[in-house]
N, C-alpha and C. Protein backbone atom coordinates (compact mmCIF):
# COMPACT_ATOMS: atom_id res chain seq x y z
N MET A 1 -146.37 -128.55 61.43
CA MET A 1 -145.90 -128.37 60.05
C MET A 1 -144.35 -128.04 60.03
N PRO A 2 -143.45 -128.82 59.66
CA PRO A 2 -142.12 -128.56 59.80
C PRO A 2 -141.66 -127.25 59.05
N LEU A 3 -140.64 -126.66 59.57
CA LEU A 3 -140.23 -125.66 58.76
C LEU A 3 -139.29 -126.20 57.47
N PRO A 4 -139.16 -125.43 56.28
CA PRO A 4 -138.21 -125.89 55.29
C PRO A 4 -136.93 -125.89 55.64
N ARG A 5 -136.24 -126.65 55.01
CA ARG A 5 -134.74 -126.64 54.89
C ARG A 5 -134.13 -125.55 54.73
N PRO A 6 -133.17 -124.90 55.47
CA PRO A 6 -132.23 -123.70 54.91
C PRO A 6 -131.65 -123.93 53.47
N ALA A 7 -132.06 -123.01 52.47
CA ALA A 7 -131.13 -123.20 51.17
C ALA A 7 -129.62 -122.88 51.42
N GLY A 8 -128.85 -123.47 50.54
CA GLY A 8 -127.43 -123.13 50.69
C GLY A 8 -126.93 -121.91 49.70
N PRO A 9 -125.79 -121.62 49.49
CA PRO A 9 -125.44 -120.67 48.60
C PRO A 9 -125.55 -121.24 47.12
N ARG A 10 -125.42 -122.52 46.83
CA ARG A 10 -125.75 -122.86 45.25
C ARG A 10 -127.00 -122.48 44.96
N ALA A 11 -128.15 -122.82 45.70
CA ALA A 11 -129.33 -122.69 45.56
C ALA A 11 -129.45 -121.34 45.37
N LEU A 12 -129.05 -120.27 46.32
CA LEU A 12 -129.13 -118.83 46.15
C LEU A 12 -128.62 -118.62 44.54
N TRP A 13 -127.64 -118.80 44.21
CA TRP A 13 -126.99 -118.40 42.96
C TRP A 13 -127.75 -119.00 41.78
N ALA A 14 -128.29 -120.22 41.91
CA ALA A 14 -129.21 -120.57 40.73
C ALA A 14 -130.40 -119.89 40.55
N ASP A 15 -131.07 -119.78 42.04
CA ASP A 15 -132.28 -118.72 41.82
C ASP A 15 -132.09 -117.44 41.26
N LEU A 16 -130.86 -116.60 41.92
CA LEU A 16 -130.53 -115.50 41.24
C LEU A 16 -130.21 -115.63 39.62
N ARG A 17 -129.53 -116.45 39.22
CA ARG A 17 -129.17 -116.81 37.81
C ARG A 17 -130.63 -117.08 37.00
N ALA A 18 -131.40 -117.76 37.44
CA ALA A 18 -132.71 -117.96 36.80
C ALA A 18 -133.68 -116.77 36.81
N PHE A 19 -133.64 -116.01 37.73
CA PHE A 19 -134.49 -114.58 38.05
C PHE A 19 -133.68 -113.58 37.01
N TRP A 20 -132.73 -113.71 36.60
CA TRP A 20 -131.99 -112.43 35.84
C TRP A 20 -131.70 -113.15 34.35
N ARG A 21 -132.12 -114.37 34.06
CA ARG A 21 -131.73 -114.96 32.89
C ARG A 21 -132.85 -114.56 31.78
N ASP A 22 -133.87 -114.25 32.38
CA ASP A 22 -135.13 -113.94 31.49
C ASP A 22 -135.49 -112.43 31.61
N ARG A 23 -134.73 -111.59 32.09
CA ARG A 23 -134.89 -110.30 32.11
C ARG A 23 -134.48 -109.47 30.93
N PRO A 24 -135.20 -108.47 30.36
CA PRO A 24 -134.50 -107.64 29.34
C PRO A 24 -133.19 -106.74 29.65
N ARG A 25 -132.70 -106.30 28.87
CA ARG A 25 -131.37 -105.64 29.01
C ARG A 25 -131.73 -104.26 29.57
N HIS A 26 -132.60 -103.38 29.44
CA HIS A 26 -132.96 -102.02 30.26
C HIS A 26 -132.91 -102.46 31.65
N GLN A 27 -133.35 -103.56 32.08
CA GLN A 27 -133.52 -103.72 33.62
C GLN A 27 -132.22 -103.98 34.26
N TYR A 28 -131.16 -104.45 33.33
CA TYR A 28 -129.62 -104.82 33.97
C TYR A 28 -129.08 -103.28 34.10
N VAL A 29 -129.57 -102.18 33.31
CA VAL A 29 -129.07 -101.11 33.43
C VAL A 29 -129.40 -100.25 34.60
N ALA A 30 -130.86 -100.63 34.76
CA ALA A 30 -131.72 -99.91 35.77
C ALA A 30 -131.19 -100.42 37.27
N ALA A 31 -130.82 -101.70 37.24
CA ALA A 31 -130.30 -102.43 38.55
C ALA A 31 -128.82 -101.83 38.80
N ILE A 32 -128.10 -101.72 37.59
CA ILE A 32 -126.70 -101.04 37.81
C ILE A 32 -126.77 -99.50 38.31
N LEU A 33 -127.80 -98.61 37.84
CA LEU A 33 -127.90 -97.32 38.28
C LEU A 33 -128.58 -97.34 39.55
N ALA A 34 -129.36 -98.18 39.84
CA ALA A 34 -130.05 -98.37 41.07
C ALA A 34 -128.89 -98.59 42.29
N VAL A 35 -127.77 -99.19 41.92
CA VAL A 35 -126.75 -99.39 42.86
C VAL A 35 -125.98 -98.44 42.97
N LEU A 36 -125.32 -97.84 41.93
CA LEU A 36 -124.20 -97.02 41.65
C LEU A 36 -124.54 -95.75 41.97
N ILE A 37 -125.78 -95.14 42.03
CA ILE A 37 -126.10 -93.64 42.32
C ILE A 37 -126.16 -93.58 43.78
N PRO A 38 -126.76 -94.46 44.93
CA PRO A 38 -126.39 -94.27 46.25
C PRO A 38 -125.04 -94.25 46.66
N ILE A 39 -124.22 -95.28 45.97
CA ILE A 39 -122.91 -95.34 46.28
C ILE A 39 -122.38 -94.09 46.00
N GLY A 40 -122.44 -93.44 44.79
CA GLY A 40 -122.04 -92.26 44.55
C GLY A 40 -122.09 -91.05 45.45
N ILE A 41 -123.55 -91.16 45.89
CA ILE A 41 -123.83 -89.98 47.05
C ILE A 41 -123.16 -90.28 48.04
N VAL A 42 -122.87 -91.46 48.70
CA VAL A 42 -121.88 -91.79 49.83
C VAL A 42 -120.69 -91.39 49.88
N VAL A 43 -120.16 -91.85 48.46
CA VAL A 43 -118.62 -91.32 48.28
C VAL A 43 -118.43 -89.74 48.59
N ALA A 44 -119.40 -88.91 47.60
CA ALA A 44 -119.56 -87.70 47.46
C ALA A 44 -119.36 -87.16 49.16
N PHE A 45 -120.43 -87.56 49.72
CA PHE A 45 -120.50 -87.03 51.37
C PHE A 45 -119.20 -87.49 52.06
N TYR A 46 -118.52 -88.52 51.75
CA TYR A 46 -117.16 -89.05 52.58
C TYR A 46 -116.10 -87.98 52.01
N ILE A 47 -115.95 -87.80 50.66
CA ILE A 47 -115.04 -86.93 50.22
C ILE A 47 -115.22 -85.46 50.85
N ASP A 48 -116.37 -84.83 51.02
CA ASP A 48 -116.87 -83.63 51.55
C ASP A 48 -116.59 -83.51 52.96
N GLY A 49 -116.73 -84.82 53.61
CA GLY A 49 -116.21 -84.80 55.15
C GLY A 49 -114.76 -84.78 55.57
N GLN A 50 -114.24 -85.05 54.36
CA GLN A 50 -112.53 -84.97 54.37
C GLN A 50 -111.92 -83.51 54.38
N THR A 51 -112.70 -82.64 53.98
CA THR A 51 -112.19 -81.29 53.73
C THR A 51 -111.86 -80.85 55.16
N ARG A 52 -111.01 -79.58 55.02
CA ARG A 52 -110.68 -78.95 56.17
C ARG A 52 -111.81 -78.13 56.74
N LEU A 53 -112.21 -78.27 57.95
CA LEU A 53 -113.13 -77.59 58.39
C LEU A 53 -112.65 -76.34 59.08
N GLN A 54 -111.79 -76.10 59.36
CA GLN A 54 -111.05 -74.88 59.90
C GLN A 54 -110.82 -73.91 58.72
N PRO A 55 -111.08 -72.58 58.89
CA PRO A 55 -110.87 -71.61 58.01
C PRO A 55 -109.49 -71.51 57.75
N VAL A 56 -109.05 -71.01 56.70
CA VAL A 56 -107.60 -70.56 56.28
C VAL A 56 -107.19 -69.29 56.99
N GLN A 57 -105.81 -69.29 57.44
CA GLN A 57 -105.58 -68.34 58.11
C GLN A 57 -105.22 -67.25 57.13
N THR A 58 -105.81 -65.81 57.48
CA THR A 58 -105.31 -64.88 56.35
C THR A 58 -104.51 -63.98 57.17
N TYR A 59 -103.77 -63.10 56.23
CA TYR A 59 -103.21 -62.13 56.86
C TYR A 59 -103.54 -60.72 56.40
N THR A 60 -103.46 -59.71 57.42
CA THR A 60 -103.77 -58.53 56.98
C THR A 60 -102.73 -57.60 57.30
N TYR A 61 -102.46 -57.01 56.24
CA TYR A 61 -101.41 -55.94 56.33
C TYR A 61 -101.75 -54.56 56.54
N ILE A 62 -101.03 -53.97 57.60
CA ILE A 62 -101.63 -52.52 57.90
C ILE A 62 -100.51 -51.68 57.62
N ASN A 63 -100.60 -50.67 57.13
CA ASN A 63 -99.64 -49.55 57.14
C ASN A 63 -99.73 -49.03 58.32
N SER A 64 -98.31 -48.43 58.75
CA SER A 64 -98.10 -47.69 60.03
C SER A 64 -97.69 -46.38 59.49
N TRP A 65 -98.27 -45.18 59.90
CA TRP A 65 -97.91 -43.82 59.58
C TRP A 65 -97.56 -43.42 60.71
N PRO A 66 -96.56 -42.46 60.52
CA PRO A 66 -96.17 -41.69 61.93
C PRO A 66 -97.27 -40.61 62.33
N ALA A 67 -97.60 -40.22 63.31
CA ALA A 67 -98.78 -39.47 63.89
C ALA A 67 -98.37 -38.02 63.61
N SER A 68 -96.90 -37.46 63.20
CA SER A 68 -96.47 -36.39 62.95
C SER A 68 -96.51 -35.96 61.40
N ARG A 69 -97.00 -36.74 60.37
CA ARG A 69 -97.30 -36.57 59.06
C ARG A 69 -98.34 -35.29 58.89
N SER A 70 -98.15 -34.67 57.71
CA SER A 70 -98.94 -33.28 57.81
C SER A 70 -100.26 -33.86 56.78
N ASP A 71 -101.11 -32.87 56.74
CA ASP A 71 -102.43 -33.25 55.86
C ASP A 71 -101.95 -32.97 54.28
N ALA A 72 -100.91 -32.20 53.93
CA ALA A 72 -100.59 -32.45 52.56
C ALA A 72 -100.08 -33.87 52.02
N GLU A 73 -99.30 -34.34 53.28
CA GLU A 73 -98.85 -35.77 52.94
C GLU A 73 -99.87 -36.52 52.72
N ILE A 74 -100.96 -36.60 53.57
CA ILE A 74 -102.16 -37.45 53.46
C ILE A 74 -102.61 -37.49 52.20
N ARG A 75 -102.99 -35.98 51.82
CA ARG A 75 -103.71 -35.90 50.65
C ARG A 75 -102.74 -36.49 49.30
N ALA A 76 -101.41 -36.30 49.31
CA ALA A 76 -100.60 -36.78 48.09
C ALA A 76 -100.78 -38.19 48.18
N ALA A 77 -100.54 -38.80 49.42
CA ALA A 77 -100.73 -40.37 49.24
C ALA A 77 -102.26 -40.94 48.72
N GLN A 78 -103.14 -40.21 48.97
CA GLN A 78 -104.51 -40.43 48.57
C GLN A 78 -104.56 -40.44 47.23
N LYS A 79 -104.15 -39.11 46.51
CA LYS A 79 -103.89 -38.75 45.18
C LYS A 79 -103.16 -39.93 44.55
N GLN A 80 -102.11 -40.43 44.90
CA GLN A 80 -101.27 -41.44 44.49
C GLN A 80 -102.09 -42.65 44.44
N ARG A 81 -102.70 -43.12 45.37
CA ARG A 81 -103.54 -44.36 45.60
C ARG A 81 -104.77 -44.31 44.50
N HIS A 82 -105.41 -42.99 44.30
CA HIS A 82 -106.35 -42.94 43.56
C HIS A 82 -106.14 -43.17 42.04
N GLU A 83 -104.99 -42.45 41.68
CA GLU A 83 -104.44 -42.58 40.36
C GLU A 83 -104.10 -43.93 39.99
N ARG A 84 -103.38 -44.77 41.05
CA ARG A 84 -103.09 -46.09 40.86
C ARG A 84 -104.27 -46.77 40.50
N ASP A 85 -105.41 -46.80 41.37
CA ASP A 85 -106.62 -47.35 41.17
C ASP A 85 -107.39 -47.01 39.83
N GLN A 86 -107.26 -46.05 39.61
CA GLN A 86 -108.05 -45.40 38.15
C GLN A 86 -107.02 -46.31 36.95
N ALA A 87 -105.74 -46.35 37.17
CA ALA A 87 -105.20 -46.97 35.95
C ALA A 87 -105.49 -48.64 36.07
N ARG A 88 -105.56 -49.05 37.28
CA ARG A 88 -106.01 -50.40 37.17
C ARG A 88 -107.46 -50.63 36.60
N ARG A 89 -108.38 -49.79 36.94
CA ARG A 89 -109.78 -49.70 36.26
C ARG A 89 -109.51 -49.53 34.77
N GLN A 90 -109.11 -48.58 34.34
CA GLN A 90 -108.95 -48.36 32.87
C GLN A 90 -108.15 -49.69 32.22
N GLN A 91 -107.16 -50.15 32.79
CA GLN A 91 -106.44 -51.36 32.10
C GLN A 91 -107.56 -52.48 32.08
N ARG A 92 -108.47 -52.85 33.32
CA ARG A 92 -109.41 -53.69 33.22
C ARG A 92 -110.64 -53.45 32.11
N GLN A 93 -110.99 -52.29 32.16
CA GLN A 93 -111.81 -51.96 30.93
C GLN A 93 -111.55 -52.13 29.69
N ARG A 94 -110.21 -51.61 29.42
CA ARG A 94 -109.64 -52.03 28.20
C ARG A 94 -109.49 -53.56 27.90
N GLU A 95 -109.31 -54.50 28.89
CA GLU A 95 -109.43 -55.84 28.55
C GLU A 95 -110.81 -56.32 28.26
N PHE A 96 -111.73 -55.81 29.09
CA PHE A 96 -113.10 -56.23 28.74
C PHE A 96 -113.68 -55.80 27.46
N GLN A 97 -113.09 -54.62 26.95
CA GLN A 97 -113.43 -53.93 25.58
C GLN A 97 -112.81 -54.81 24.46
N ARG A 98 -111.75 -55.22 24.80
CA ARG A 98 -111.10 -56.08 23.84
C ARG A 98 -111.90 -57.52 23.61
N LEU A 99 -112.19 -58.00 24.79
CA LEU A 99 -112.82 -59.25 24.87
C LEU A 99 -114.31 -59.18 24.06
N ASP A 100 -114.84 -58.12 24.30
CA ASP A 100 -116.22 -57.66 23.88
C ASP A 100 -116.11 -57.58 22.39
N ASP A 101 -114.94 -56.86 21.92
CA ASP A 101 -114.60 -56.73 20.30
C ASP A 101 -114.51 -58.02 19.59
N GLN A 102 -113.69 -59.04 20.46
CA GLN A 102 -113.50 -60.26 20.07
C GLN A 102 -114.89 -61.19 19.81
N LEU A 103 -115.80 -61.05 20.73
CA LEU A 103 -117.09 -61.42 21.03
C LEU A 103 -117.75 -61.04 19.66
N ASN A 104 -117.70 -59.83 19.32
CA ASN A 104 -118.80 -59.34 18.44
C ASN A 104 -118.31 -59.72 16.92
N ARG A 105 -117.04 -59.77 16.78
CA ARG A 105 -116.32 -60.60 15.63
C ARG A 105 -116.95 -61.98 15.35
N LEU A 106 -117.25 -62.59 16.41
CA LEU A 106 -117.72 -63.95 16.48
C LEU A 106 -119.11 -63.95 16.29
N GLY A 107 -119.73 -62.82 16.52
CA GLY A 107 -121.28 -62.52 16.24
C GLY A 107 -121.89 -63.13 17.88
N ILE A 108 -121.33 -63.22 18.79
CA ILE A 108 -121.84 -63.30 20.01
C ILE A 108 -122.36 -62.15 20.87
């Protein structure tokens, strides 16, 4: 039994047109989504692969204190830092309180 002759590109396009001509509209949408979703996933992985893999260099600043400083100087510096941190916390608390008041006025 002889093999059939190979079909040409015109026959392929004619078959595809005949196949899709009688399809309902929702099958077109499903076909487009079936092609676009995997393409989107591959593109997302490609973009993610282009990101920098090396961690960003960070700088740590360390204060240098003389070994001869007294305990009173240490306590004064600690007290200063504590007061500065307390002021920051209170400012942040006031900001959150202001936000909470605005949300309460909106009924949230």
